ModelCIF file with pLDDT and N, C-alpha, C, O atoms, coordinates in Angstrom:
data_MODEL
#
_entry.id   MODEL 
#
_entity.id                         1 
_entity.type                       polymer 
_entity.pdbx_number_of_molecules   1 
#
_entity_poly.entity_id                      1 
_entity_poly.type                           'polypeptide(L)' 
_entity_poly.nstd_linkage                   no 
_entity_poly.nstd_monomer                   no 
_entity_poly.pdbx_seq_one_letter_code       YVGEWVNLGALTTNSDLKNDYSNVSVSLDGGK 
_entity_poly.pdbx_seq_one_letter_code_can   YVGEWVNLGALTTNSDLKNDYSNVSVSLDGGK 
_entity_poly.pdbx_strand_id                 A 
#
loop_
_entity_poly_seq.entity_id 
_entity_poly_seq.num 
_entity_poly_seq.mon_id 
_entity_poly_seq.hetero 
1 1  TYR n 
1 2  VAL n 
1 3  GLY n 
1 4  GLU n 
1 5  TRP n 
1 6  VAL n 
1 7  ASN n 
1 8  LEU n 
1 9  GLY n 
1 10 ALA n 
1 11 LEU n 
1 12 THR n 
1 13 THR n 
1 14 ASN n 
1 15 SER n 
1 16 ASP n 
1 17 LEU n 
1 18 LYS n 
1 19 ASN n 
1 20 ASP n 
1 21 TYR n 
1 22 SER n 
1 23 ASN n 
1 24 VAL n 
1 25 SER n 
1 26 VAL n 
1 27 SER n 
1 28 LEU n 
1 29 ASP n 
1 30 GLY n 
1 31 GLY n 
1 32 LYS n 
#
_struct_asym.id          A 
_struct_asym.entity_id   1 
#
loop_
_ma_qa_metric.id 
_ma_qa_metric.mode 
_ma_qa_metric.name 
_ma_qa_metric.software_group_id 
_ma_qa_metric.type 
1 global pLDDT . pLDDT 
2 local  pLDDT . pLDDT 
#
_ma_qa_metric_global.metric_id      1 
_ma_qa_metric_global.metric_value   95.19 
_ma_qa_metric_global.model_id       1 
_ma_qa_metric_global.ordinal_id     1 
#
loop_
_ma_qa_metric_local.label_asym_id 
_ma_qa_metric_local.label_comp_id 
_ma_qa_metric_local.label_seq_id 
_ma_qa_metric_local.metric_id 
_ma_qa_metric_local.metric_value 
_ma_qa_metric_local.model_id 
_ma_qa_metric_local.ordinal_id 
A TYR 1  2 98.00 1 1  
A VAL 2  2 98.00 1 2  
A GLY 3  2 98.00 1 3  
A GLU 4  2 98.00 1 4  
A TRP 5  2 98.00 1 5  
A VAL 6  2 98.00 1 6  
A ASN 7  2 97.00 1 7  
A LEU 8  2 98.00 1 8  
A GLY 9  2 97.00 1 9  
A ALA 10 2 97.00 1 10 
A LEU 11 2 97.00 1 11 
A THR 12 2 97.00 1 12 
A THR 13 2 97.00 1 13 
A ASN 14 2 97.00 1 14 
A SER 15 2 97.00 1 15 
A ASP 16 2 97.00 1 16 
A LEU 17 2 96.00 1 17 
A LYS 18 2 95.00 1 18 
A ASN 19 2 94.00 1 19 
A ASP 20 2 95.00 1 20 
A TYR 21 2 96.00 1 21 
A SER 22 2 97.00 1 22 
A ASN 23 2 97.00 1 23 
A VAL 24 2 97.00 1 24 
A SER 25 2 96.00 1 25 
A VAL 26 2 97.00 1 26 
A SER 27 2 94.00 1 27 
A LEU 28 2 91.00 1 28 
A ASP 29 2 86.00 1 29 
A GLY 30 2 84.00 1 30 
A GLY 31 2 83.00 1 31 
A LYS 32 2 89.00 1 32 
#
loop_
_atom_site.group_PDB 
_atom_site.id 
_atom_site.type_symbol 
_atom_site.label_atom_id 
_atom_site.label_alt_id 
_atom_site.label_comp_id 
_atom_site.label_asym_id 
_atom_site.label_entity_id 
_atom_site.label_seq_id 
_atom_site.pdbx_PDB_ins_code 
_atom_site.Cartn_x 
_atom_site.Cartn_y 
_atom_site.Cartn_z 
_atom_site.occupancy 
_atom_site.B_iso_or_equiv 
_atom_site.pdbx_formal_charge 
_atom_site.auth_seq_id 
_atom_site.auth_comp_id 
_atom_site.auth_asym_id 
_atom_site.auth_atom_id 
_atom_site.pdbx_PDB_model_num 
ATOM 1   N N  . TYR A 1 1  ? 3.073   4.711   4.922   1.00 98.00 ? 1  TYR A N  1 
ATOM 2   C CA . TYR A 1 1  ? 3.062   5.124   6.322   1.00 98.00 ? 1  TYR A CA 1 
ATOM 3   C C  . TYR A 1 1  ? 2.884   3.855   7.145   1.00 98.00 ? 1  TYR A C  1 
ATOM 4   O O  . TYR A 1 1  ? 1.869   3.166   7.040   1.00 98.00 ? 1  TYR A O  1 
ATOM 5   N N  . VAL A 1 2  ? 3.896   3.557   7.973   1.00 98.00 ? 2  VAL A N  1 
ATOM 6   C CA . VAL A 1 2  ? 3.916   2.345   8.786   1.00 98.00 ? 2  VAL A CA 1 
ATOM 7   C C  . VAL A 1 2  ? 3.811   2.748   10.252  1.00 98.00 ? 2  VAL A C  1 
ATOM 8   O O  . VAL A 1 2  ? 4.537   3.631   10.708  1.00 98.00 ? 2  VAL A O  1 
ATOM 9   N N  . GLY A 1 3  ? 2.914   2.107   10.987  1.00 98.00 ? 3  GLY A N  1 
ATOM 10  C CA . GLY A 1 3  ? 2.703   2.441   12.388  1.00 98.00 ? 3  GLY A CA 1 
ATOM 11  C C  . GLY A 1 3  ? 3.785   1.888   13.304  1.00 98.00 ? 3  GLY A C  1 
ATOM 12  O O  . GLY A 1 3  ? 4.906   1.622   12.868  1.00 98.00 ? 3  GLY A O  1 
ATOM 13  N N  . GLU A 1 4  ? 3.442   1.715   14.581  1.00 98.00 ? 4  GLU A N  1 
ATOM 14  C CA . GLU A 1 4  ? 4.371   1.194   15.583  1.00 98.00 ? 4  GLU A CA 1 
ATOM 15  C C  . GLU A 1 4  ? 4.200   -0.313  15.750  1.00 98.00 ? 4  GLU A C  1 
ATOM 16  O O  . GLU A 1 4  ? 3.128   -0.868  15.510  1.00 98.00 ? 4  GLU A O  1 
ATOM 17  N N  . TRP A 1 5  ? 5.293   -0.961  16.170  1.00 98.00 ? 5  TRP A N  1 
ATOM 18  C CA . TRP A 1 5  ? 5.293   -2.380  16.502  1.00 98.00 ? 5  TRP A CA 1 
ATOM 19  C C  . TRP A 1 5  ? 4.914   -3.257  15.299  1.00 98.00 ? 5  TRP A C  1 
ATOM 20  O O  . TRP A 1 5  ? 4.349   -4.341  15.447  1.00 98.00 ? 5  TRP A O  1 
ATOM 21  N N  . VAL A 1 6  ? 5.240   -2.758  14.125  1.00 98.00 ? 6  VAL A N  1 
ATOM 22  C CA . VAL A 1 6  ? 4.994   -3.499  12.881  1.00 98.00 ? 6  VAL A CA 1 
ATOM 23  C C  . VAL A 1 6  ? 6.245   -4.295  12.527  1.00 98.00 ? 6  VAL A C  1 
ATOM 24  O O  . VAL A 1 6  ? 7.365   -3.824  12.727  1.00 98.00 ? 6  VAL A O  1 
ATOM 25  N N  . ASN A 1 7  ? 6.050   -5.508  11.999  1.00 97.00 ? 7  ASN A N  1 
ATOM 26  C CA . ASN A 1 7  ? 7.172   -6.285  11.490  1.00 97.00 ? 7  ASN A CA 1 
ATOM 27  C C  . ASN A 1 7  ? 6.880   -6.688  10.048  1.00 97.00 ? 7  ASN A C  1 
ATOM 28  O O  . ASN A 1 7  ? 5.913   -7.397  9.769   1.00 97.00 ? 7  ASN A O  1 
ATOM 29  N N  . LEU A 1 8  ? 7.736   -6.220  9.136   1.00 98.00 ? 8  LEU A N  1 
ATOM 30  C CA . LEU A 1 8  ? 7.601   -6.562  7.727   1.00 98.00 ? 8  LEU A CA 1 
ATOM 31  C C  . LEU A 1 8  ? 8.594   -7.672  7.417   1.00 98.00 ? 8  LEU A C  1 
ATOM 32  O O  . LEU A 1 8  ? 9.806   -7.467  7.479   1.00 98.00 ? 8  LEU A O  1 
ATOM 33  N N  . GLY A 1 9  ? 8.075   -8.849  7.083   1.00 97.00 ? 9  GLY A N  1 
ATOM 34  C CA . GLY A 1 9  ? 8.925   -10.000 6.838   1.00 97.00 ? 9  GLY A CA 1 
ATOM 35  C C  . GLY A 1 9  ? 9.841   -9.798  5.644   1.00 97.00 ? 9  GLY A C  1 
ATOM 36  O O  . GLY A 1 9  ? 9.630   -8.908  4.820   1.00 97.00 ? 9  GLY A O  1 
ATOM 37  N N  . ALA A 1 10 ? 10.876  -10.653 5.565   1.00 97.00 ? 10 ALA A N  1 
ATOM 38  C CA . ALA A 1 10 ? 11.868  -10.546 4.496   1.00 97.00 ? 10 ALA A CA 1 
ATOM 39  C C  . ALA A 1 10 ? 11.197  -10.512 3.132   1.00 97.00 ? 10 ALA A C  1 
ATOM 40  O O  . ALA A 1 10 ? 10.286  -11.291 2.848   1.00 97.00 ? 10 ALA A O  1 
ATOM 41  N N  . LEU A 1 11 ? 11.672  -9.581  2.283   1.00 97.00 ? 11 LEU A N  1 
ATOM 42  C CA . LEU A 1 11 ? 11.204  -9.406  0.903   1.00 97.00 ? 11 LEU A CA 1 
ATOM 43  C C  . LEU A 1 11 ? 9.773   -8.874  0.810   1.00 97.00 ? 11 LEU A C  1 
ATOM 44  O O  . LEU A 1 11 ? 9.199   -8.848  -0.279  1.00 97.00 ? 11 LEU A O  1 
ATOM 45  N N  . THR A 1 12 ? 9.190   -8.450  1.929   1.00 97.00 ? 12 THR A N  1 
ATOM 46  C CA . THR A 1 12 ? 7.919   -7.732  1.831   1.00 97.00 ? 12 THR A CA 1 
ATOM 47  C C  . THR A 1 12 ? 8.130   -6.483  0.974   1.00 97.00 ? 12 THR A C  1 
ATOM 48  O O  . THR A 1 12 ? 9.049   -5.699  1.211   1.00 97.00 ? 12 THR A O  1 
ATOM 49  N N  . THR A 1 13 ? 7.272   -6.317  -0.018  1.00 97.00 ? 13 THR A N  1 
ATOM 50  C CA . THR A 1 13 ? 7.440   -5.246  -1.001  1.00 97.00 ? 13 THR A CA 1 
ATOM 51  C C  . THR A 1 13 ? 6.085   -4.630  -1.321  1.00 97.00 ? 13 THR A C  1 
ATOM 52  O O  . THR A 1 13 ? 5.095   -5.340  -1.495  1.00 97.00 ? 13 THR A O  1 
ATOM 53  N N  . ASN A 1 14 ? 6.050   -3.298  -1.397  1.00 97.00 ? 14 ASN A N  1 
ATOM 54  C CA . ASN A 1 14 ? 4.805   -2.669  -1.841  1.00 97.00 ? 14 ASN A CA 1 
ATOM 55  C C  . ASN A 1 14 ? 5.013   -1.938  -3.174  1.00 97.00 ? 14 ASN A C  1 
ATOM 56  O O  . ASN A 1 14 ? 6.089   -1.413  -3.460  1.00 97.00 ? 14 ASN A O  1 
ATOM 57  N N  . SER A 1 15 ? 3.958   -1.925  -3.965  1.00 97.00 ? 15 SER A N  1 
ATOM 58  C CA . SER A 1 15 ? 3.927   -1.101  -5.170  1.00 97.00 ? 15 SER A CA 1 
ATOM 59  C C  . SER A 1 15 ? 3.469   0.300   -4.787  1.00 97.00 ? 15 SER A C  1 
ATOM 60  O O  . SER A 1 15 ? 2.570   0.452   -3.960  1.00 97.00 ? 15 SER A O  1 
ATOM 61  N N  . ASP A 1 16 ? 4.078   1.321   -5.376  1.00 97.00 ? 16 ASP A N  1 
ATOM 62  C CA . ASP A 1 16 ? 3.609   2.689   -5.137  1.00 97.00 ? 16 ASP A CA 1 
ATOM 63  C C  . ASP A 1 16 ? 3.313   3.431   -6.439  1.00 97.00 ? 16 ASP A C  1 
ATOM 64  O O  . ASP A 1 16 ? 3.114   4.646   -6.437  1.00 97.00 ? 16 ASP A O  1 
ATOM 65  N N  . LEU A 1 17 ? 3.284   2.687   -7.561  1.00 96.00 ? 17 LEU A N  1 
ATOM 66  C CA . LEU A 1 17 ? 3.016   3.293   -8.867  1.00 96.00 ? 17 LEU A CA 1 
ATOM 67  C C  . LEU A 1 17 ? 2.290   2.293   -9.741  1.00 96.00 ? 17 LEU A C  1 
ATOM 68  O O  . LEU A 1 17 ? 2.754   1.167   -9.916  1.00 96.00 ? 17 LEU A O  1 
ATOM 69  N N  . LYS A 1 18 ? 1.155   2.695   -10.292 1.00 95.00 ? 18 LYS A N  1 
ATOM 70  C CA . LYS A 1 18 ? 0.397   1.804   -11.165 1.00 95.00 ? 18 LYS A CA 1 
ATOM 71  C C  . LYS A 1 18 ? 1.051   1.718   -12.542 1.00 95.00 ? 18 LYS A C  1 
ATOM 72  O O  . LYS A 1 18 ? 1.720   2.651   -12.986 1.00 95.00 ? 18 LYS A O  1 
ATOM 73  N N  . ASN A 1 19 ? 0.847   0.592   -13.202 1.00 94.00 ? 19 ASN A N  1 
ATOM 74  C CA . ASN A 1 19 ? 1.481   0.380   -14.505 1.00 94.00 ? 19 ASN A CA 1 
ATOM 75  C C  . ASN A 1 19 ? 1.021   1.386   -15.549 1.00 94.00 ? 19 ASN A C  1 
ATOM 76  O O  . ASN A 1 19 ? 1.766   1.695   -16.479 1.00 94.00 ? 19 ASN A O  1 
ATOM 77  N N  . ASP A 1 20 ? -0.209  1.908   -15.407 1.00 95.00 ? 20 ASP A N  1 
ATOM 78  C CA . ASP A 1 20 ? -0.699  2.878   -16.384 1.00 95.00 ? 20 ASP A CA 1 
ATOM 79  C C  . ASP A 1 20 ? -0.462  4.328   -15.939 1.00 95.00 ? 20 ASP A C  1 
ATOM 80  O O  . ASP A 1 20 ? -0.907  5.262   -16.605 1.00 95.00 ? 20 ASP A O  1 
ATOM 81  N N  . TYR A 1 21 ? 0.234   4.512   -14.822 1.00 96.00 ? 21 TYR A N  1 
ATOM 82  C CA . TYR A 1 21 ? 0.599   5.836   -14.317 1.00 96.00 ? 21 TYR A CA 1 
ATOM 83  C C  . TYR A 1 21 ? -0.624  6.701   -13.980 1.00 96.00 ? 21 TYR A C  1 
ATOM 84  O O  . TYR A 1 21 ? -0.512  7.926   -13.935 1.00 96.00 ? 21 TYR A O  1 
ATOM 85  N N  . SER A 1 22 ? -1.758  6.098   -13.751 1.00 97.00 ? 22 SER A N  1 
ATOM 86  C CA . SER A 1 22 ? -2.943  6.851   -13.344 1.00 97.00 ? 22 SER A CA 1 
ATOM 87  C C  . SER A 1 22 ? -2.911  7.075   -11.837 1.00 97.00 ? 22 SER A C  1 
ATOM 88  O O  . SER A 1 22 ? -2.102  6.473   -11.130 1.00 97.00 ? 22 SER A O  1 
ATOM 89  N N  . ASN A 1 23 ? -3.807  7.956   -11.342 1.00 97.00 ? 23 ASN A N  1 
ATOM 90  C CA . ASN A 1 23 ? -3.852  8.251   -9.913  1.00 97.00 ? 23 ASN A CA 1 
ATOM 91  C C  . ASN A 1 23 ? -4.187  6.995   -9.108  1.00 97.00 ? 23 ASN A C  1 
ATOM 92  O O  . ASN A 1 23 ? -4.958  6.140   -9.545  1.00 97.00 ? 23 ASN A O  1 
ATOM 93  N N  . VAL A 1 24 ? -3.586  6.911   -7.923  1.00 97.00 ? 24 VAL A N  1 
ATOM 94  C CA . VAL A 1 24 ? -3.832  5.790   -7.017  1.00 97.00 ? 24 VAL A CA 1 
ATOM 95  C C  . VAL A 1 24 ? -5.094  6.072   -6.207  1.00 97.00 ? 24 VAL A C  1 
ATOM 96  O O  . VAL A 1 24 ? -5.313  7.195   -5.754  1.00 97.00 ? 24 VAL A O  1 
ATOM 97  N N  . SER A 1 25 ? -5.920  5.046   -6.031  1.00 96.00 ? 25 SER A N  1 
ATOM 98  C CA . SER A 1 25 ? -7.102  5.139   -5.179  1.00 96.00 ? 25 SER A CA 1 
ATOM 99  C C  . SER A 1 25 ? -6.924  4.248   -3.954  1.00 96.00 ? 25 SER A C  1 
ATOM 100 O O  . SER A 1 25 ? -6.268  3.208   -4.018  1.00 96.00 ? 25 SER A O  1 
ATOM 101 N N  . VAL A 1 26 ? -7.514  4.668   -2.840  1.00 97.00 ? 26 VAL A N  1 
ATOM 102 C CA . VAL A 1 26 ? -7.394  3.942   -1.571  1.00 97.00 ? 26 VAL A CA 1 
ATOM 103 C C  . VAL A 1 26 ? -8.777  3.747   -0.972  1.00 97.00 ? 26 VAL A C  1 
ATOM 104 O O  . VAL A 1 26 ? -9.588  4.673   -0.949  1.00 97.00 ? 26 VAL A O  1 
ATOM 105 N N  . SER A 1 27 ? -9.044  2.533   -0.485  1.00 94.00 ? 27 SER A N  1 
ATOM 106 C CA . SER A 1 27 ? -10.264 2.269   0.264   1.00 94.00 ? 27 SER A CA 1 
ATOM 107 C C  . SER A 1 27 ? -9.965  2.355   1.753   1.00 94.00 ? 27 SER A C  1 
ATOM 108 O O  . SER A 1 27 ? -9.063  1.681   2.250   1.00 94.00 ? 27 SER A O  1 
ATOM 109 N N  . LEU A 1 28 ? -10.719 3.182   2.462   1.00 91.00 ? 28 LEU A N  1 
ATOM 110 C CA . LEU A 1 28 ? -10.480 3.363   3.890   1.00 91.00 ? 28 LEU A CA 1 
ATOM 111 C C  . LEU A 1 28 ? -11.115 2.270   4.736   1.00 91.00 ? 28 LEU A C  1 
ATOM 112 O O  . LEU A 1 28 ? -10.645 1.993   5.840   1.00 91.00 ? 28 LEU A O  1 
ATOM 113 N N  . ASP A 1 29 ? -12.192 1.636   4.227   1.00 86.00 ? 29 ASP A N  1 
ATOM 114 C CA . ASP A 1 29 ? -12.918 0.658   5.031   1.00 86.00 ? 29 ASP A CA 1 
ATOM 115 C C  . ASP A 1 29 ? -13.389 -0.548  4.226   1.00 86.00 ? 29 ASP A C  1 
ATOM 116 O O  . ASP A 1 29 ? -14.275 -1.281  4.665   1.00 86.00 ? 29 ASP A O  1 
ATOM 117 N N  . GLY A 1 30 ? -12.804 -0.752  3.061   1.00 84.00 ? 30 GLY A N  1 
ATOM 118 C CA . GLY A 1 30 ? -13.232 -1.859  2.221   1.00 84.00 ? 30 GLY A CA 1 
ATOM 119 C C  . GLY A 1 30 ? -14.345 -1.492  1.259   1.00 84.00 ? 30 GLY A C  1 
ATOM 120 O O  . GLY A 1 30 ? -14.752 -2.312  0.436   1.00 84.00 ? 30 GLY A O  1 
ATOM 121 N N  . GLY A 1 31 ? -14.844 -0.252  1.357   1.00 83.00 ? 31 GLY A N  1 
ATOM 122 C CA . GLY A 1 31 ? -15.905 0.197   0.474   1.00 83.00 ? 31 GLY A CA 1 
ATOM 123 C C  . GLY A 1 31 ? -15.357 0.971   -0.706  1.00 83.00 ? 31 GLY A C  1 
ATOM 124 O O  . GLY A 1 31 ? -14.333 0.608   -1.284  1.00 83.00 ? 31 GLY A O  1 
ATOM 125 N N  . LYS A 1 32 ? -16.051 2.042   -1.057  1.00 89.00 ? 32 LYS A N  1 
ATOM 126 C CA . LYS A 1 32 ? -15.681 2.842   -2.215  1.00 89.00 ? 32 LYS A CA 1 
ATOM 127 C C  . LYS A 1 32 ? -14.288 3.411   -2.066  1.00 89.00 ? 32 LYS A C  1 
ATOM 128 O O  . LYS A 1 32 ? -13.810 4.115   -2.956  1.00 89.00 ? 32 LYS A O  1 
#
């Protein structure tokens, strides 16, 4: 999910799948 007025430079790439196929976890504020 990308907001407004964002610029992704050439070859910017994100991973969306872990190598072990386990569930993805996200930190909302740098904590748990």
